[in-house]
Amino acid sequence: MLDQLRALDPELGLDLEVVDIDSDPELKARYHTRVPVLAAPDGEICEYFLDEVALRRWVSDSSPGWQG
């Protein structure tokens, strides 16, 4: 998923932050085996595999005027 996100970053202008859930007991309890997960401040976008449609929808909803 990370490779796909990095490939889309130039187009979408993502602000990616990779978080190791094993280093945070709360995140580890929350996500357990649901990794990788793509999360935004307002919720999860997708898990296991990149859902590019959901990501583009989130970017569009989060960035008024964005055309993607």
PDB file of N, CA and C in Angstrom:
ATOM      1  N   MET A   1       0.824  -1.184   0.000  1.00  0.00           N
ATOM      2  CA  MET A   1       0.000   0.000   0.000  1.00  0.00           C
ATOM      3  C   MET A   1       0.875   1.257   0.000  1.00  0.00           C
ATOM      4  N   LEU A   2       1.943   1.224   0.774  1.00  0.00           N
ATOM      5  CA  LEU A   2       2.795   2.401   0.885  1.00  0.00           C
ATOM      6  C   LEU A   2       3.409   2.779  -0.459  1.00  0.00           C
ATOM      7  N   ASP A   3       3.855   1.784  -1.216  1.00  0.00           N
ATOM      8  CA  ASP A   3       4.421   2.063  -2.544  1.00  0.00           C
ATOM      9  C   ASP A   3       3.377   2.716  -3.449  1.00  0.00           C
ATOM     10  N   GLN A   4       2.148   2.237  -3.389  1.00  0.00           N
ATOM     11  CA  GLN A   4       1.080   2.813  -4.202  1.00  0.00           C
ATOM     12  C   GLN A   4       0.787   4.251  -3.770  1.00  0.00           C
ATOM     13  N   LEU A   5       0.774   4.483  -2.473  1.00  0.00           N
ATOM     14  CA  LEU A   5       0.524   5.836  -1.973  1.00  0.00           C
ATOM     15  C   LEU A   5       1.642   6.786  -2.392  1.00  0.00           C
ATOM     16  N   ARG A   6       2.863   6.322  -2.309  1.00  0.00           N
ATOM     17  CA  ARG A   6       3.993   7.164  -2.722  1.00  0.00           C
ATOM     18  C   ARG A   6       3.922   7.486  -4.203  1.00  0.00           C
ATOM     19  N   ALA A   7       3.450   6.550  -5.005  1.00  0.00           N
ATOM     20  CA  ALA A   7       3.308   6.802  -6.441  1.00  0.00           C
ATOM     21  C   ALA A   7       2.217   7.834  -6.715  1.00  0.00           C
ATOM     22  N   LEU A   8       1.182   7.855  -5.898  1.00  0.00           N
ATOM     23  CA  LEU A   8       0.076   8.808  -6.081  1.00  0.00           C
ATOM     24  C   LEU A   8       0.364  10.166  -5.449  1.00  0.00           C
ATOM     25  N   ASP A   9       1.344  10.234  -4.563  1.00  0.00           N
ATOM     26  CA  ASP A   9       1.620  11.453  -3.820  1.00  0.00           C
ATOM     27  C   ASP A   9       1.851  12.682  -4.703  1.00  0.00           C
ATOM     28  N   PRO A  10       2.656  12.603  -5.773  1.00  0.00           N
ATOM     29  CA  PRO A  10       2.866  13.806  -6.587  1.00  0.00           C
ATOM     30  C   PRO A  10       1.551  14.381  -7.153  1.00  0.00           C
ATOM     31  N   GLU A  11       0.643  13.525  -7.505  1.00  0.00           N
ATOM     32  CA  GLU A  11      -0.642  13.957  -8.054  1.00  0.00           C
ATOM     33  C   GLU A  11      -1.597  14.457  -6.969  1.00  0.00           C
ATOM     34  N   LEU A  12      -1.671  13.720  -5.866  1.00  0.00           N
ATOM     35  CA  LEU A  12      -2.675  14.011  -4.851  1.00  0.00           C
ATOM     36  C   LEU A  12      -2.186  14.933  -3.739  1.00  0.00           C
ATOM     37  N   GLY A  13      -0.877  15.080  -3.595  1.00  0.00           N
ATOM     38  CA  GLY A  13      -0.339  15.928  -2.544  1.00  0.00           C
ATOM     39  C   GLY A  13      -0.647  15.404  -1.153  1.00  0.00           C
ATOM     40  N   LEU A  14      -0.368  14.137  -0.947  1.00  0.00           N
ATOM     41  CA  LEU A  14      -0.653  13.501   0.330  1.00  0.00           C
ATOM     42  C   LEU A  14       0.376  13.909   1.377  1.00  0.00           C
ATOM     43  N   ASP A  15      -0.038  13.929   2.614  1.00  0.00           N
ATOM     44  CA  ASP A  15       0.867  14.186   3.736  1.00  0.00           C
ATOM     45  C   ASP A  15       0.952  12.877   4.515  1.00  0.00           C
ATOM     46  N   LEU A  16       1.822  11.986   4.038  1.00  0.00           N
ATOM     47  CA  LEU A  16       1.891  10.640   4.590  1.00  0.00           C
ATOM     48  C   LEU A  16       2.713  10.585   5.866  1.00  0.00           C
ATOM     49  N   GLU A  17       2.227   9.803   6.795  1.00  0.00           N
ATOM     50  CA  GLU A  17       2.970   9.524   8.022  1.00  0.00           C
ATOM     51  C   GLU A  17       2.837   8.023   8.278  1.00  0.00           C
ATOM     52  N   VAL A  18       3.952   7.339   8.293  1.00  0.00           N
ATOM     53  CA  VAL A  18       3.966   5.905   8.553  1.00  0.00           C
ATOM     54  C   VAL A  18       4.081   5.702  10.060  1.00  0.00           C
ATOM     55  N   VAL A  19       3.167   4.906  10.601  1.00  0.00           N
ATOM     56  CA  VAL A  19       3.138   4.659  12.037  1.00  0.00           C
ATOM     57  C   VAL A  19       3.252   3.156  12.274  1.00  0.00           C
ATOM     58  N   ASP A  20       4.181   2.772  13.119  1.00  0.00           N
ATOM     59  CA  ASP A  20       4.345   1.367  13.502  1.00  0.00           C
ATOM     60  C   ASP A  20       3.399   1.090  14.667  1.00  0.00           C
ATOM     61  N   ILE A  21       2.318   0.367  14.407  1.00  0.00           N
ATOM     62  CA  ILE A  21       1.326   0.152  15.469  1.00  0.00           C
ATOM     63  C   ILE A  21       1.884  -0.664  16.623  1.00  0.00           C
ATOM     64  N   ASP A  22       2.913  -1.459  16.371  1.00  0.00           N
ATOM     65  CA  ASP A  22       3.500  -2.267  17.442  1.00  0.00           C
ATOM     66  C   ASP A  22       4.167  -1.406  18.515  1.00  0.00           C
ATOM     67  N   SER A  23       4.480  -0.159  18.179  1.00  0.00           N
ATOM     68  CA  SER A  23       5.134   0.712  19.156  1.00  0.00           C
ATOM     69  C   SER A  23       4.133   1.479  20.023  1.00  0.00           C
ATOM     70  N   ASP A  24       2.845   1.293  19.751  1.00  0.00           N
ATOM     71  CA  ASP A  24       1.806   2.003  20.507  1.00  0.00           C
ATOM     72  C   ASP A  24       0.737   0.996  20.937  1.00  0.00           C
ATOM     73  N   PRO A  25       0.658   0.671  22.218  1.00  0.00           N
ATOM     74  CA  PRO A  25      -0.300  -0.340  22.683  1.00  0.00           C
ATOM     75  C   PRO A  25      -1.756  -0.036  22.306  1.00  0.00           C
ATOM     76  N   GLU A  26      -2.131   1.223  22.317  1.00  0.00           N
ATOM     77  CA  GLU A  26      -3.504   1.586  21.955  1.00  0.00           C
ATOM     78  C   GLU A  26      -3.789   1.294  20.477  1.00  0.00           C
ATOM     79  N   LEU A  27      -2.858   1.678  19.613  1.00  0.00           N
ATOM     80  CA  LEU A  27      -3.031   1.395  18.180  1.00  0.00           C
ATOM     81  C   LEU A  27      -2.982  -0.098  17.908  1.00  0.00           C
ATOM     82  N   LYS A  28      -2.092  -0.794  18.604  1.00  0.00           N
ATOM     83  CA  LYS A  28      -1.987  -2.245  18.418  1.00  0.00           C
ATOM     84  C   LYS A  28      -3.302  -2.924  18.796  1.00  0.00           C
ATOM     85  N   ALA A  29      -3.912  -2.497  19.887  1.00  0.00           N
ATOM     86  CA  ALA A  29      -5.205  -3.063  20.302  1.00  0.00           C
ATOM     87  C   ALA A  29      -6.311  -2.699  19.313  1.00  0.00           C
ATOM     88  N   ARG A  30      -6.234  -1.486  18.782  1.00  0.00           N
ATOM     89  CA  ARG A  30      -7.279  -1.019  17.861  1.00  0.00           C
ATOM     90  C   ARG A  30      -7.226  -1.717  16.510  1.00  0.00           C
ATOM     91  N   TYR A  31      -6.023  -1.838  15.941  1.00  0.00           N
ATOM     92  CA  TYR A  31      -5.896  -2.360  14.575  1.00  0.00           C
ATOM     93  C   TYR A  31      -5.491  -3.825  14.518  1.00  0.00           C
ATOM     94  N   HIS A  32      -4.794  -4.309  15.505  1.00  0.00           N
ATOM     95  CA  HIS A  32      -4.372  -5.706  15.624  1.00  0.00           C
ATOM     96  C   HIS A  32      -3.927  -6.281  14.278  1.00  0.00           C
ATOM     97  N   THR A  33      -4.775  -7.040  13.600  1.00  0.00           N
ATOM     98  CA  THR A  33      -4.388  -7.661  12.335  1.00  0.00           C
ATOM     99  C   THR A  33      -4.921  -6.909  11.118  1.00  0.00           C
ATOM    100  N   ARG A  34      -5.566  -5.776  11.334  1.00  0.00           N
ATOM    101  CA  ARG A  34      -6.119  -5.012  10.213  1.00  0.00           C
ATOM    102  C   ARG A  34      -5.079  -4.042   9.655  1.00  0.00           C
ATOM    103  N   VAL A  35      -3.936  -4.553   9.289  1.00  0.00           N
ATOM    104  CA  VAL A  35      -2.876  -3.716   8.739  1.00  0.00           C
ATOM    105  C   VAL A  35      -2.459  -4.242   7.376  1.00  0.00           C
ATOM    106  N   PRO A  36      -2.041  -3.392   6.493  1.00  0.00           N
ATOM    107  CA  PRO A  36      -1.956  -1.961   6.704  1.00  0.00           C
ATOM    108  C   PRO A  36      -3.341  -1.307   6.679  1.00  0.00           C
ATOM    109  N   VAL A  37      -3.391  -0.150   7.286  1.00  0.00           N
ATOM    110  CA  VAL A  37      -4.624   0.636   7.282  1.00  0.00           C
ATOM    111  C   VAL A  37      -4.259   2.060   6.893  1.00  0.00           C
ATOM    112  N   LEU A  38      -5.081   2.655   6.061  1.00  0.00           N
ATOM    113  CA  LEU A  38      -4.899   4.047   5.677  1.00  0.00           C
ATOM    114  C   LEU A  38      -5.921   4.852   6.455  1.00  0.00           C
ATOM    115  N   ALA A  39      -5.414   5.669   7.355  1.00  0.00           N
ATOM    116  CA  ALA A  39      -6.297   6.448   8.223  1.00  0.00           C
ATOM    117  C   ALA A  39      -6.062   7.932   7.997  1.00  0.00           C
ATOM    118  N   ALA A  40      -7.114   8.681   8.197  1.00  0.00           N
ATOM    119  CA  ALA A  40      -7.083  10.134   8.113  1.00  0.00           C
ATOM    120  C   ALA A  40      -7.553  10.675   9.459  1.00  0.00           C
ATOM    121  N   PRO A  41      -7.353  11.942   9.706  1.00  0.00           N
ATOM    122  CA  PRO A  41      -7.805  12.501  10.988  1.00  0.00           C
ATOM    123  C   PRO A  41      -9.291  12.258  11.273  1.00  0.00           C
ATOM    124  N   ASP A  42     -10.080  12.159  10.224  1.00  0.00           N
ATOM    125  CA  ASP A  42     -11.524  11.984  10.409  1.00  0.00           C
ATOM    126  C   ASP A  42     -11.997  10.540  10.250  1.00  0.00           C
ATOM    127  N   GLY A  43     -11.068   9.577  10.190  1.00  0.00           N
ATOM    128  CA  GLY A  43     -11.459   8.173  10.117  1.00  0.00           C
ATOM    129  C   GLY A  43     -10.610   7.361   9.159  1.00  0.00           C
ATOM    130  N   GLU A  44     -10.947   6.105   9.044  1.00  0.00           N
ATOM    131  CA  GLU A  44     -10.203   5.195   8.177  1.00  0.00           C
ATOM    132  C   GLU A  44     -10.698   5.307   6.744  1.00  0.00           C
ATOM    133  N   ILE A  45      -9.761   5.228   5.813  1.00  0.00           N
ATOM    134  CA  ILE A  45     -10.094   5.281   4.389  1.00  0.00           C
ATOM    135  C   ILE A  45     -10.186   3.868   3.828  1.00  0.00           C
ATOM    136  N   CYS A  46      -9.204   3.024   4.161  1.00  0.00           N
ATOM    137  CA  CYS A  46      -9.229   1.638   3.705  1.00  0.00           C
ATOM    138  C   CYS A  46      -8.259   0.818   4.546  1.00  0.00           C
ATOM    139  N   GLU A  47      -8.357  -0.488   4.420  1.00  0.00           N
ATOM    140  CA  GLU A  47      -7.440  -1.382   5.124  1.00  0.00           C
ATOM    141  C   GLU A  47      -7.069  -2.539   4.215  1.00  0.00           C
ATOM    142  N   TYR A  48      -5.962  -3.163   4.520  1.00  0.00           N
ATOM    143  CA  TYR A  48      -5.381  -4.288   3.780  1.00  0.00           C
ATOM    144  C   TYR A  48      -4.850  -3.883   2.408  1.00  0.00           C
ATOM    145  N   PHE A  49      -5.713  -3.316   1.558  1.00  0.00           N
ATOM    146  CA  PHE A  49      -5.339  -2.936   0.202  1.00  0.00           C
ATOM    147  C   PHE A  49      -5.771  -1.492  -0.051  1.00  0.00           C
ATOM    148  N   LEU A  50      -5.035  -0.801  -0.897  1.00  0.00           N
ATOM    149  CA  LEU A  50      -5.393   0.571  -1.216  1.00  0.00           C
ATOM    150  C   LEU A  50      -6.681   0.597  -2.023  1.00  0.00           C
ATOM    151  N   ASP A  51      -7.638   1.354  -1.563  1.00  0.00           N
ATOM    152  CA  ASP A  51      -8.866   1.623  -2.300  1.00  0.00           C
ATOM    153  C   ASP A  51      -8.689   3.016  -2.887  1.00  0.00           C
ATOM    154  N   GLU A  52      -8.199   3.066  -4.127  1.00  0.00           N
ATOM    155  CA  GLU A  52      -7.874   4.346  -4.740  1.00  0.00           C
ATOM    156  C   GLU A  52      -9.111   5.223  -4.911  1.00  0.00           C
ATOM    157  N   VAL A  53     -10.243   4.635  -5.191  1.00  0.00           N
ATOM    158  CA  VAL A  53     -11.486   5.405  -5.329  1.00  0.00           C
ATOM    159  C   VAL A  53     -11.829   6.080  -3.999  1.00  0.00           C
ATOM    160  N   ALA A  54     -11.746   5.342  -2.907  1.00  0.00           N
ATOM    161  CA  ALA A  54     -12.038   5.909  -1.585  1.00  0.00           C
ATOM    162  C   ALA A  54     -11.020   6.997  -1.233  1.00  0.00           C
ATOM    163  N   LEU A  55      -9.750   6.786  -1.568  1.00  0.00           N
ATOM    164  CA  LEU A  55      -8.727   7.787  -1.297  1.00  0.00           C
ATOM    165  C   LEU A  55      -9.002   9.061  -2.084  1.00  0.00           C
ATOM    166  N   ARG A  56      -9.299   8.919  -3.370  1.00  0.00           N
ATOM    167  CA  ARG A  56      -9.588  10.103  -4.186  1.00  0.00           C
ATOM    168  C   ARG A  56     -10.837  10.828  -3.675  1.00  0.00           C
ATOM    169  N   ARG A  57     -11.830  10.077  -3.231  1.00  0.00           N
ATOM    170  CA  ARG A  57     -13.032  10.693  -2.678  1.00  0.00           C
ATOM    171  C   ARG A  57     -12.673  11.480  -1.419  1.00  0.00           C
ATOM    172  N   TRP A  58     -11.838  10.889  -0.557  1.00  0.00           N
ATOM    173  CA  TRP A  58     -11.432  11.570   0.671  1.00  0.00           C
ATOM    174  C   TRP A  58     -10.657  12.846   0.354  1.00  0.00           C
ATOM    175  N   VAL A  59      -9.719  12.765  -0.596  1.00  0.00           N
ATOM    176  CA  VAL A  59      -8.940  13.951  -0.967  1.00  0.00           C
ATOM    177  C   VAL A  59      -9.871  15.031  -1.508  1.00  0.00           C
ATOM    178  N   SER A  60     -10.790  14.640  -2.355  1.00  0.00           N
ATOM    179  CA  SER A  60     -11.739  15.591  -2.936  1.00  0.00           C
ATOM    180  C   SER A  60     -12.606  16.245  -1.857  1.00  0.00           C
ATOM    181  N   ASP A  61     -13.103  15.453  -0.933  1.00  0.00           N
ATOM    182  CA  ASP A  61     -13.954  15.969   0.156  1.00  0.00           C
ATOM    183  C   ASP A  61     -13.165  16.848   1.118  1.00  0.00           C
ATOM    184  N   SER A  62     -11.867  16.554   1.269  1.00  0.00           N
ATOM    185  CA  SER A  62     -11.038  17.270   2.235  1.00  0.00           C
ATOM    186  C   SER A  62     -10.392  18.519   1.657  1.00  0.00           C
ATOM    187  N   SER A  63     -10.369  18.610   0.320  1.00  0.00           N
ATOM    188  CA  SER A  63      -9.695  19.726  -0.340  1.00  0.00           C
ATOM    189  C   SER A  63     -10.637  20.374  -1.342  1.00  0.00           C
ATOM    190  N   PRO A  64     -11.467  21.315  -0.891  1.00  0.00           N
ATOM    191  CA  PRO A  64     -12.386  21.971  -1.813  1.00  0.00           C
ATOM    192  C   PRO A  64     -11.640  22.542  -3.029  1.00  0.00           C
ATOM    193  N   GLY A  65     -12.197  22.320  -4.181  1.00  0.00           N
ATOM    194  CA  GLY A  65     -11.590  22.807  -5.410  1.00  0.00           C
ATOM    195  C   GLY A  65     -10.630  21.834  -6.053  1.00  0.00           C
ATOM    196  N   TRP A  66     -10.312  20.730  -5.353  1.00  0.00           N
ATOM    197  CA  TRP A  66      -9.387  19.751  -5.925  1.00  0.00           C
ATOM    198  C   TRP A  66     -10.085  19.011  -7.049  1.00  0.00           C
ATOM    199  N   GLN A  67      -9.419  18.865  -8.159  1.00  0.00           N
ATOM    200  CA  GLN A  67      -9.953  18.121  -9.303  1.00  0.00           C
ATOM    201  C   GLN A  67      -9.113  16.878  -9.509  1.00  0.00           C
ATOM    202  N   GLY A  68      -9.681  15.714  -9.266  1.00  0.00           N
ATOM    203  CA  GLY A  68      -8.870  14.501  -9.409  1.00  0.00           C
ATOM    204  C   GLY A  68      -9.619  13.361  -9.976  1.00  0.00           C
TER     205      GLY A  68
END
